[in-house]
């Protein structure tokens, strides 16, 4: 199957813009979100994680195994959030 057939307009999918409404909920305070560590599998509110802020960015570590959950770096006109150590982040609806 060529690339043209794989992405034909009659397929049952939309582009990422269709996710905009669902992503609006993430503007809320996320510290109460339940975070599951990808390293050890423990779950707890993000607020209970260990924050290391003496770096070029902020590093949040699992309170159980100290694996890195996420990093937030300020790059001037933008911020970059990486969630490499988060298996799940469960956010209550507003």
PDB file of N, CA and C in Angstrom:
ATOM      1  N   UNK A   1       0.848  -1.167   0.000  1.00  0.00           N
ATOM      2  CA  UNK A   1       0.000   0.000   0.000  1.00  0.00           C
ATOM      3  C   UNK A   1       0.899   1.237   0.000  1.00  0.00           C
ATOM      4  N   UNK A   2       0.683   2.155  -0.932  1.00  0.00           N
ATOM      5  CA  UNK A   2       1.521   3.357  -0.982  1.00  0.00           C
ATOM      6  C   UNK A   2       1.022   4.401   0.024  1.00  0.00           C
ATOM      7  N   UNK A   3       1.814   5.453   0.233  1.00  0.00           N
ATOM      8  CA  UNK A   3       1.506   6.480   1.230  1.00  0.00           C
ATOM      9  C   UNK A   3       0.180   7.175   0.940  1.00  0.00           C
ATOM     10  N   UNK A   4      -0.159   7.339  -0.320  1.00  0.00           N
ATOM     11  CA  UNK A   4      -1.408   7.986  -0.724  1.00  0.00           C
ATOM     12  C   UNK A   4      -2.613   7.180  -0.238  1.00  0.00           C
ATOM     13  N   UNK A   5      -2.556   5.865  -0.347  1.00  0.00           N
ATOM     14  CA  UNK A   5      -3.658   5.022   0.083  1.00  0.00           C
ATOM     15  C   UNK A   5      -3.769   4.980   1.608  1.00  0.00           C
ATOM     16  N   UNK A   6      -2.660   5.025   2.315  1.00  0.00           N
ATOM     17  CA  UNK A   6      -2.672   4.950   3.769  1.00  0.00           C
ATOM     18  C   UNK A   6      -3.335   6.174   4.394  1.00  0.00           C
ATOM     19  N   UNK A   7      -3.301   7.308   3.729  1.00  0.00           N
ATOM     20  CA  UNK A   7      -3.818   8.547   4.304  1.00  0.00           C
ATOM     21  C   UNK A   7      -4.928   9.155   3.456  1.00  0.00           C
ATOM     22  N   UNK A   8      -5.781   8.336   2.924  1.00  0.00           N
ATOM     23  CA  UNK A   8      -6.865   8.843   2.091  1.00  0.00           C
ATOM     24  C   UNK A   8      -7.916   9.533   2.960  1.00  0.00           C
ATOM     25  N   UNK A   9      -8.617  10.549   2.417  1.00  0.00           N
ATOM     26  CA  UNK A   9      -9.576  11.331   3.188  1.00  0.00           C
ATOM     27  C   UNK A   9     -10.763  10.530   3.708  1.00  0.00           C
ATOM     28  N   UNK A  10     -11.047   9.366   3.151  1.00  0.00           N
ATOM     29  CA  UNK A  10     -12.206   8.605   3.593  1.00  0.00           C
ATOM     30  C   UNK A  10     -11.912   7.725   4.815  1.00  0.00           C
ATOM     31  N   UNK A  11     -10.681   7.778   5.333  1.00  0.00           N
ATOM     32  CA  UNK A  11     -10.370   7.006   6.534  1.00  0.00           C
ATOM     33  C   UNK A  11     -10.994   7.659   7.764  1.00  0.00           C
ATOM     34  N   UNK A  12     -11.170   6.881   8.795  1.00  0.00           N
ATOM     35  CA  UNK A  12     -11.818   7.353  10.010  1.00  0.00           C
ATOM     36  C   UNK A  12     -10.807   7.969  10.967  1.00  0.00           C
ATOM     37  N   UNK A  13     -10.251   9.134  10.603  1.00  0.00           N
ATOM     38  CA  UNK A  13      -9.344   9.854  11.494  1.00  0.00           C
ATOM     39  C   UNK A  13      -9.380  11.345  11.182  1.00  0.00           C
ATOM     40  N   UNK A  14      -8.931  12.121  12.158  1.00  0.00           N
ATOM     41  CA  UNK A  14      -8.834  13.571  12.020  1.00  0.00           C
ATOM     42  C   UNK A  14      -7.392  13.963  12.279  1.00  0.00           C
ATOM     43  N   UNK A  15      -7.061  15.236  12.109  1.00  0.00           N
ATOM     44  CA  UNK A  15      -5.707  15.663  12.469  1.00  0.00           C
ATOM     45  C   UNK A  15      -5.692  16.114  13.924  1.00  0.00           C
ATOM     46  N   UNK A  16      -4.519  16.431  14.432  1.00  0.00           N
ATOM     47  CA  UNK A  16      -4.344  16.782  15.829  1.00  0.00           C
ATOM     48  C   UNK A  16      -5.128  17.991  16.293  1.00  0.00           C
ATOM     49  N   UNK A  17      -5.537  18.865  15.389  1.00  0.00           N
ATOM     50  CA  UNK A  17      -6.331  20.037  15.772  1.00  0.00           C
ATOM     51  C   UNK A  17      -7.650  19.646  16.431  1.00  0.00           C
ATOM     52  N   UNK A  18      -8.169  18.483  16.110  1.00  0.00           N
ATOM     53  CA  UNK A  18      -9.439  18.031  16.676  1.00  0.00           C
ATOM     54  C   UNK A  18      -9.323  17.738  18.170  1.00  0.00           C
ATOM     55  N   UNK A  19      -8.118  17.658  18.680  1.00  0.00           N
ATOM     56  CA  UNK A  19      -7.882  17.383  20.089  1.00  0.00           C
ATOM     57  C   UNK A  19      -7.882  18.649  20.954  1.00  0.00           C
ATOM     58  N   UNK A  20      -7.945  19.815  20.340  1.00  0.00           N
ATOM     59  CA  UNK A  20      -7.825  21.091  21.054  1.00  0.00           C
ATOM     60  C   UNK A  20      -8.822  21.230  22.198  1.00  0.00           C
ATOM     61  N   UNK A  21     -10.062  20.914  21.994  1.00  0.00           N
ATOM     62  CA  UNK A  21     -11.068  21.039  23.043  1.00  0.00           C
ATOM     63  C   UNK A  21     -10.781  20.143  24.233  1.00  0.00           C
ATOM     64  N   UNK A  22     -10.407  18.922  23.973  1.00  0.00           N
ATOM     65  CA  UNK A  22     -10.108  17.987  25.058  1.00  0.00           C
ATOM     66  C   UNK A  22      -8.866  18.411  25.836  1.00  0.00           C
ATOM     67  N   UNK A  23      -7.932  19.082  25.196  1.00  0.00           N
ATOM     68  CA  UNK A  23      -6.704  19.506  25.868  1.00  0.00           C
ATOM     69  C   UNK A  23      -6.887  20.752  26.728  1.00  0.00           C
ATOM     70  N   UNK A  24      -7.999  21.455  26.577  1.00  0.00           N
ATOM     71  CA  UNK A  24      -8.251  22.653  27.378  1.00  0.00           C
ATOM     72  C   UNK A  24      -8.234  22.373  28.868  1.00  0.00           C
ATOM     73  N   UNK A  25      -8.616  21.174  29.276  1.00  0.00           N
ATOM     74  CA  UNK A  25      -8.666  20.837  30.700  1.00  0.00           C
ATOM     75  C   UNK A  25      -7.278  20.856  31.345  1.00  0.00           C
ATOM     76  N   UNK A  26      -6.221  20.777  30.576  1.00  0.00           N
ATOM     77  CA  UNK A  26      -4.880  20.731  31.131  1.00  0.00           C
ATOM     78  C   UNK A  26      -4.367  22.095  31.570  1.00  0.00           C
ATOM     79  N   UNK A  27      -5.159  23.125  31.393  1.00  0.00           N
ATOM     80  CA  UNK A  27      -4.771  24.457  31.842  1.00  0.00           C
ATOM     81  C   UNK A  27      -4.907  24.551  33.367  1.00  0.00           C
ATOM     82  N   UNK A  28      -5.668  23.670  33.951  1.00  0.00           N
ATOM     83  CA  UNK A  28      -5.895  23.670  35.400  1.00  0.00           C
ATOM     84  C   UNK A  28      -4.630  23.247  36.149  1.00  0.00           C
ATOM     85  N   UNK A  29      -4.638  23.413  37.466  1.00  0.00           N
ATOM     86  CA  UNK A  29      -3.532  22.993  38.317  1.00  0.00           C
ATOM     87  C   UNK A  29      -3.388  21.476  38.246  1.00  0.00           C
ATOM     88  N   UNK A  30      -2.247  21.008  37.788  1.00  0.00           N
ATOM     89  CA  UNK A  30      -2.029  19.575  37.613  1.00  0.00           C
ATOM     90  C   UNK A  30      -1.407  18.897  38.821  1.00  0.00           C
ATOM     91  N   UNK A  31      -1.093  19.639  39.882  1.00  0.00           N
ATOM     92  CA  UNK A  31      -0.422  19.021  41.018  1.00  0.00           C
ATOM     93  C   UNK A  31      -1.282  17.978  41.726  1.00  0.00           C
ATOM     94  N   UNK A  32      -2.600  18.030  41.554  1.00  0.00           N
ATOM     95  CA  UNK A  32      -3.465  17.015  42.157  1.00  0.00           C
ATOM     96  C   UNK A  32      -3.668  15.804  41.242  1.00  0.00           C
ATOM     97  N   UNK A  33      -3.149  15.863  40.027  1.00  0.00           N
ATOM     98  CA  UNK A  33      -3.277  14.736  39.099  1.00  0.00           C
ATOM     99  C   UNK A  33      -2.532  13.519  39.644  1.00  0.00           C
ATOM    100  N   UNK A  34      -3.114  12.353  39.484  1.00  0.00           N
ATOM    101  CA  UNK A  34      -2.490  11.108  39.923  1.00  0.00           C
ATOM    102  C   UNK A  34      -1.462  10.677  38.889  1.00  0.00           C
ATOM    103  N   UNK A  35      -0.233  10.534  39.323  1.00  0.00           N
ATOM    104  CA  UNK A  35       0.877  10.217  38.427  1.00  0.00           C
ATOM    105  C   UNK A  35       1.387   8.807  38.713  1.00  0.00           C
ATOM    106  N   UNK A  36       1.520   7.999  37.675  1.00  0.00           N
ATOM    107  CA  UNK A  36       2.092   6.659  37.819  1.00  0.00           C
ATOM    108  C   UNK A  36       3.488   6.663  37.231  1.00  0.00           C
ATOM    109  N   UNK A  37       4.456   6.280  38.055  1.00  0.00           N
ATOM    110  CA  UNK A  37       5.855   6.230  37.650  1.00  0.00           C
ATOM    111  C   UNK A  37       6.078   5.073  36.683  1.00  0.00           C
ATOM    112  N   UNK A  38       6.746   5.329  35.585  1.00  0.00           N
ATOM    113  CA  UNK A  38       7.039   4.283  34.621  1.00  0.00           C
ATOM    114  C   UNK A  38       8.144   3.361  35.134  1.00  0.00           C
ATOM    115  N   UNK A  39       8.939   3.848  36.070  1.00  0.00           N
ATOM    116  CA  UNK A  39      10.030   3.039  36.605  1.00  0.00           C
ATOM    117  C   UNK A  39       9.577   1.985  37.594  1.00  0.00           C
ATOM    118  N   UNK A  40       8.831   2.394  38.630  1.00  0.00           N
ATOM    119  CA  UNK A  40       8.453   1.446  39.689  1.00  0.00           C
ATOM    120  C   UNK A  40       6.966   1.133  39.736  1.00  0.00           C
ATOM    121  N   UNK A  41       6.155   1.894  39.005  1.00  0.00           N
ATOM    122  CA  UNK A  41       4.716   1.635  38.959  1.00  0.00           C
ATOM    123  C   UNK A  41       3.914   2.240  40.093  1.00  0.00           C
ATOM    124  N   UNK A  42       4.562   2.955  41.005  1.00  0.00           N
ATOM    125  CA  UNK A  42       3.807   3.560  42.102  1.00  0.00           C
ATOM    126  C   UNK A  42       2.997   4.748  41.582  1.00  0.00           C
ATOM    127  N   UNK A  43       1.855   4.986  42.252  1.00  0.00           N
ATOM    128  CA  UNK A  43       0.974   6.090  41.868  1.00  0.00           C
ATOM    129  C   UNK A  43       0.748   6.986  43.064  1.00  0.00           C
ATOM    130  N   UNK A  44       0.773   8.283  42.809  1.00  0.00           N
ATOM    131  CA  UNK A  44       0.532   9.282  43.858  1.00  0.00           C
ATOM    132  C   UNK A  44       0.253  10.610  43.172  1.00  0.00           C
ATOM    133  N   UNK A  45      -0.352  11.552  43.902  1.00  0.00           N
ATOM    134  CA  UNK A  45      -0.551  12.880  43.318  1.00  0.00           C
ATOM    135  C   UNK A  45       0.789  13.506  42.939  1.00  0.00           C
ATOM    136  N   UNK A  46       0.804  14.230  41.859  1.00  0.00           N
ATOM    137  CA  UNK A  46       2.024  14.881  41.381  1.00  0.00           C
ATOM    138  C   UNK A  46       2.641  15.767  42.468  1.00  0.00           C
ATOM    139  N   UNK A  47       1.812  16.328  43.327  1.00  0.00           N
ATOM    140  CA  UNK A  47       2.289  17.209  44.397  1.00  0.00           C
ATOM    141  C   UNK A  47       3.206  16.498  45.393  1.00  0.00           C
ATOM    142  N   UNK A  48       3.150  15.163  45.468  1.00  0.00           N
ATOM    143  CA  UNK A  48       3.977  14.434  46.418  1.00  0.00           C
ATOM    144  C   UNK A  48       5.346  14.073  45.848  1.00  0.00           C
ATOM    145  N   UNK A  49       5.565  14.351  44.577  1.00  0.00           N
ATOM    146  CA  UNK A  49       6.852  14.032  43.946  1.00  0.00           C
ATOM    147  C   UNK A  49       7.931  14.994  44.443  1.00  0.00           C
ATOM    148  N   UNK A  50       9.175  14.637  44.203  1.00  0.00           N
ATOM    149  CA  UNK A  50      10.325  15.409  44.655  1.00  0.00           C
ATOM    150  C   UNK A  50      10.765  16.364  43.557  1.00  0.00           C
ATOM    151  N   UNK A  51      10.746  17.672  43.841  1.00  0.00           N
ATOM    152  CA  UNK A  51      11.106  18.679  42.847  1.00  0.00           C
ATOM    153  C   UNK A  51      12.541  19.146  43.062  1.00  0.00           C
ATOM    154  N   UNK A  52      13.319  19.089  42.014  1.00  0.00           N
ATOM    155  CA  UNK A  52      14.682  19.611  41.999  1.00  0.00           C
ATOM    156  C   UNK A  52      14.681  20.792  41.038  1.00  0.00           C
ATOM    157  N   UNK A  53      14.864  21.999  41.595  1.00  0.00           N
ATOM    158  CA  UNK A  53      14.738  23.216  40.788  1.00  0.00           C
ATOM    159  C   UNK A  53      16.067  23.916  40.559  1.00  0.00           C
ATOM    160  N   UNK A  54      17.169  23.371  41.048  1.00  0.00           N
ATOM    161  CA  UNK A  54      18.487  23.982  40.869  1.00  0.00           C
ATOM    162  C   UNK A  54      19.175  23.424  39.630  1.00  0.00           C
ATOM    163  N   UNK A  55      18.518  23.523  38.546  1.00  0.00           N
ATOM    164  CA  UNK A  55      19.042  23.015  37.276  1.00  0.00           C
ATOM    165  C   UNK A  55      18.611  24.001  36.195  1.00  0.00           C
ATOM    166  N   UNK A  56      19.008  23.781  34.976  1.00  0.00           N
ATOM    167  CA  UNK A  56      18.529  24.656  33.902  1.00  0.00           C
ATOM    168  C   UNK A  56      17.005  24.634  33.768  1.00  0.00           C
ATOM    169  N   UNK A  57      16.403  23.624  34.342  1.00  0.00           N
ATOM    170  CA  UNK A  57      14.955  23.511  34.345  1.00  0.00           C
ATOM    171  C   UNK A  57      14.525  22.896  35.657  1.00  0.00           C
ATOM    172  N   UNK A  58      13.292  22.437  35.720  1.00  0.00           N
ATOM    173  CA  UNK A  58      12.793  21.770  36.914  1.00  0.00           C
ATOM    174  C   UNK A  58      12.672  20.285  36.625  1.00  0.00           C
ATOM    175  N   UNK A  59      13.127  19.483  37.577  1.00  0.00           N
ATOM    176  CA  UNK A  59      13.089  18.026  37.437  1.00  0.00           C
ATOM    177  C   UNK A  59      12.225  17.478  38.562  1.00  0.00           C
ATOM    178  N   UNK A  60      11.226  16.675  38.209  1.00  0.00           N
ATOM    179  CA  UNK A  60      10.351  16.056  39.186  1.00  0.00           C
ATOM    180  C   UNK A  60      10.660  14.570  39.237  1.00  0.00           C
ATOM    181  N   UNK A  61      10.938  14.070  40.450  1.00  0.00           N
ATOM    182  CA  UNK A  61      11.313  12.666  40.629  1.00  0.00           C
ATOM    183  C   UNK A  61      10.268  11.923  41.447  1.00  0.00           C
ATOM    184  N   UNK A  62      10.163  10.643  41.194  1.00  0.00           N
ATOM    185  CA  UNK A  62       9.247   9.764  41.912  1.00  0.00           C
ATOM    186  C   UNK A  62       9.642   9.721  43.391  1.00  0.00           C
ATOM    187  N   UNK A  63       8.672   9.894  44.305  1.00  0.00           N
ATOM    188  CA  UNK A  63       8.994   9.847  45.725  1.00  0.00           C
ATOM    189  C   UNK A  63       9.317   8.437  46.221  1.00  0.00           C
ATOM    190  N   UNK A  64       9.008   7.421  45.439  1.00  0.00           N
ATOM    191  CA  UNK A  64       9.266   6.032  45.835  1.00  0.00           C
ATOM    192  C   UNK A  64      10.634   5.545  45.363  1.00  0.00           C
ATOM    193  N   UNK A  65      10.936   5.739  44.082  1.00  0.00           N
ATOM    194  CA  UNK A  65      12.186   5.193  43.534  1.00  0.00           C
ATOM    195  C   UNK A  65      13.165   6.267  43.052  1.00  0.00           C
ATOM    196  N   UNK A  66      12.778   7.520  43.088  1.00  0.00           N
ATOM    197  CA  UNK A  66      13.534   8.705  42.646  1.00  0.00           C
ATOM    198  C   UNK A  66      13.833   8.742  41.144  1.00  0.00           C
ATOM    199  N   UNK A  67      13.160   7.931  40.350  1.00  0.00           N
ATOM    200  CA  UNK A  67      13.307   8.025  38.893  1.00  0.00           C
ATOM    201  C   UNK A  67      12.750   9.367  38.428  1.00  0.00           C
ATOM    202  N   UNK A  68      13.306   9.917  37.364  1.00  0.00           N
ATOM    203  CA  UNK A  68      12.811  11.179  36.809  1.00  0.00           C
ATOM    204  C   UNK A  68      11.447  10.940  36.182  1.00  0.00           C
ATOM    205  N   UNK A  69      10.456  11.703  36.636  1.00  0.00           N
ATOM    206  CA  UNK A  69       9.112  11.641  36.071  1.00  0.00           C
ATOM    207  C   UNK A  69       8.970  12.612  34.909  1.00  0.00           C
ATOM    208  N   UNK A  70       9.329  13.873  35.181  1.00  0.00           N
ATOM    209  CA  UNK A  70       9.179  14.885  34.143  1.00  0.00           C
ATOM    210  C   UNK A  70      10.220  15.972  34.312  1.00  0.00           C
ATOM    211  N   UNK A  71      10.446  16.704  33.240  1.00  0.00           N
ATOM    212  CA  UNK A  71      11.333  17.866  33.245  1.00  0.00           C
ATOM    213  C   UNK A  71      10.598  19.015  32.569  1.00  0.00           C
ATOM    214  N   UNK A  72      10.732  20.190  33.148  1.00  0.00           N
ATOM    215  CA  UNK A  72      10.157  21.401  32.566  1.00  0.00           C
ATOM    216  C   UNK A  72      11.288  22.404  32.410  1.00  0.00           C
ATOM    217  N   UNK A  73      11.571  22.758  31.171  1.00  0.00           N
ATOM    218  CA  UNK A  73      12.657  23.703  30.909  1.00  0.00           C
ATOM    219  C   UNK A  73      12.112  24.948  30.233  1.00  0.00           C
ATOM    220  N   UNK A  74      12.658  26.081  30.626  1.00  0.00           N
ATOM    221  CA  UNK A  74      12.285  27.368  30.068  1.00  0.00           C
ATOM    222  C   UNK A  74      13.281  27.692  28.961  1.00  0.00           C
ATOM    223  N   UNK A  75      12.785  27.875  27.772  1.00  0.00           N
ATOM    224  CA  UNK A  75      13.642  28.184  26.637  1.00  0.00           C
ATOM    225  C   UNK A  75      13.280  29.541  26.040  1.00  0.00           C
ATOM    226  N   UNK A  76      13.123  30.519  26.908  1.00  0.00           N
ATOM    227  CA  UNK A  76      12.817  31.871  26.444  1.00  0.00           C
ATOM    228  C   UNK A  76      11.366  32.037  26.052  1.00  0.00           C
ATOM    229  N   UNK A  77      11.095  31.991  24.788  1.00  0.00           N
ATOM    230  CA  UNK A  77       9.736  32.195  24.276  1.00  0.00           C
ATOM    231  C   UNK A  77       8.852  30.966  24.420  1.00  0.00           C
ATOM    232  N   UNK A  78       9.416  29.868  24.899  1.00  0.00           N
ATOM    233  CA  UNK A  78       8.621  28.646  25.042  1.00  0.00           C
ATOM    234  C   UNK A  78       9.101  27.841  26.241  1.00  0.00           C
ATOM    235  N   UNK A  79       8.256  26.937  26.680  1.00  0.00           N
ATOM    236  CA  UNK A  79       8.613  25.997  27.721  1.00  0.00           C
ATOM    237  C   UNK A  79       8.486  24.599  27.138  1.00  0.00           C
ATOM    238  N   UNK A  80       9.383  23.713  27.549  1.00  0.00           N
ATOM    239  CA  UNK A  80       9.360  22.343  27.044  1.00  0.00           C
ATOM    240  C   UNK A  80       9.112  21.408  28.224  1.00  0.00           C
ATOM    241  N   UNK A  81       8.076  20.602  28.118  1.00  0.00           N
ATOM    242  CA  UNK A  81       7.714  19.637  29.138  1.00  0.00           C
ATOM    243  C   UNK A  81       7.959  18.241  28.586  1.00  0.00           C
ATOM    244  N   UNK A  82       8.814  17.476  29.247  1.00  0.00           N
ATOM    245  CA  UNK A  82       9.021  16.081  28.859  1.00  0.00           C
ATOM    246  C   UNK A  82       8.482  15.201  29.975  1.00  0.00           C
ATOM    247  N   UNK A  83       7.784  14.165  29.593  1.00  0.00           N
ATOM    248  CA  UNK A  83       7.125  13.261  30.541  1.00  0.00           C
ATOM    249  C   UNK A  83       7.651  11.841  30.375  1.00  0.00           C
ATOM    250  N   UNK A  84       8.921  11.690  30.122  1.00  0.00           N
ATOM    251  CA  UNK A  84       9.498  10.382  29.812  1.00  0.00           C
ATOM    252  C   UNK A  84       9.289   9.339  30.904  1.00  0.00           C
ATOM    253  N   UNK A  85       9.237   9.745  32.171  1.00  0.00           N
ATOM    254  CA  UNK A  85       9.105   8.786  33.258  1.00  0.00           C
ATOM    255  C   UNK A  85       7.693   8.594  33.768  1.00  0.00           C
ATOM    256  N   UNK A  86       6.713   9.169  33.076  1.00  0.00           N
ATOM    257  CA  UNK A  86       5.319   9.068  33.507  1.00  0.00           C
ATOM    258  C   UNK A  86       4.605   8.023  32.661  1.00  0.00           C
ATOM    259  N   UNK A  87       4.098   6.991  33.313  1.00  0.00           N
ATOM    260  CA  UNK A  87       3.317   5.970  32.606  1.00  0.00           C
ATOM    261  C   UNK A  87       1.907   6.478  32.356  1.00  0.00           C
ATOM    262  N   UNK A  88       1.286   7.046  33.394  1.00  0.00           N
ATOM    263  CA  UNK A  88      -0.068   7.597  33.305  1.00  0.00           C
ATOM    264  C   UNK A  88      -0.140   8.859  34.137  1.00  0.00           C
ATOM    265  N   UNK A  89      -0.914   9.800  33.671  1.00  0.00           N
ATOM    266  CA  UNK A  89      -1.227  11.006  34.424  1.00  0.00           C
ATOM    267  C   UNK A  89      -2.746  11.137  34.381  1.00  0.00           C
ATOM    268  N   UNK A  90      -3.399  10.906  35.509  1.00  0.00           N
ATOM    269  CA  UNK A  90      -4.863  10.888  35.568  1.00  0.00           C
ATOM    270  C   UNK A  90      -5.332  12.218  36.136  1.00  0.00           C
ATOM    271  N   UNK A  91      -6.120  12.927  35.335  1.00  0.00           N
ATOM    272  CA  UNK A  91      -6.554  14.277  35.686  1.00  0.00           C
ATOM    273  C   UNK A  91      -8.055  14.289  35.887  1.00  0.00           C
ATOM    274  N   UNK A  92      -8.480  14.776  37.059  1.00  0.00           N
ATOM    275  CA  UNK A  92      -9.920  14.887  37.334  1.00  0.00           C
ATOM    276  C   UNK A  92     -10.523  15.958  36.446  1.00  0.00           C
ATOM    277  N   UNK A  93     -11.733  15.742  36.010  1.00  0.00           N
ATOM    278  CA  UNK A  93     -12.427  16.755  35.196  1.00  0.00           C
ATOM    279  C   UNK A  93     -12.751  17.955  36.061  1.00  0.00           C
ATOM    280  N   UNK A  94     -12.718  19.146  35.439  1.00  0.00           N
ATOM    281  CA  UNK A  94     -13.059  20.382  36.154  1.00  0.00           C
ATOM    282  C   UNK A  94     -14.541  20.468  36.357  1.00  0.00           C
TER     283      UNK A  94
END
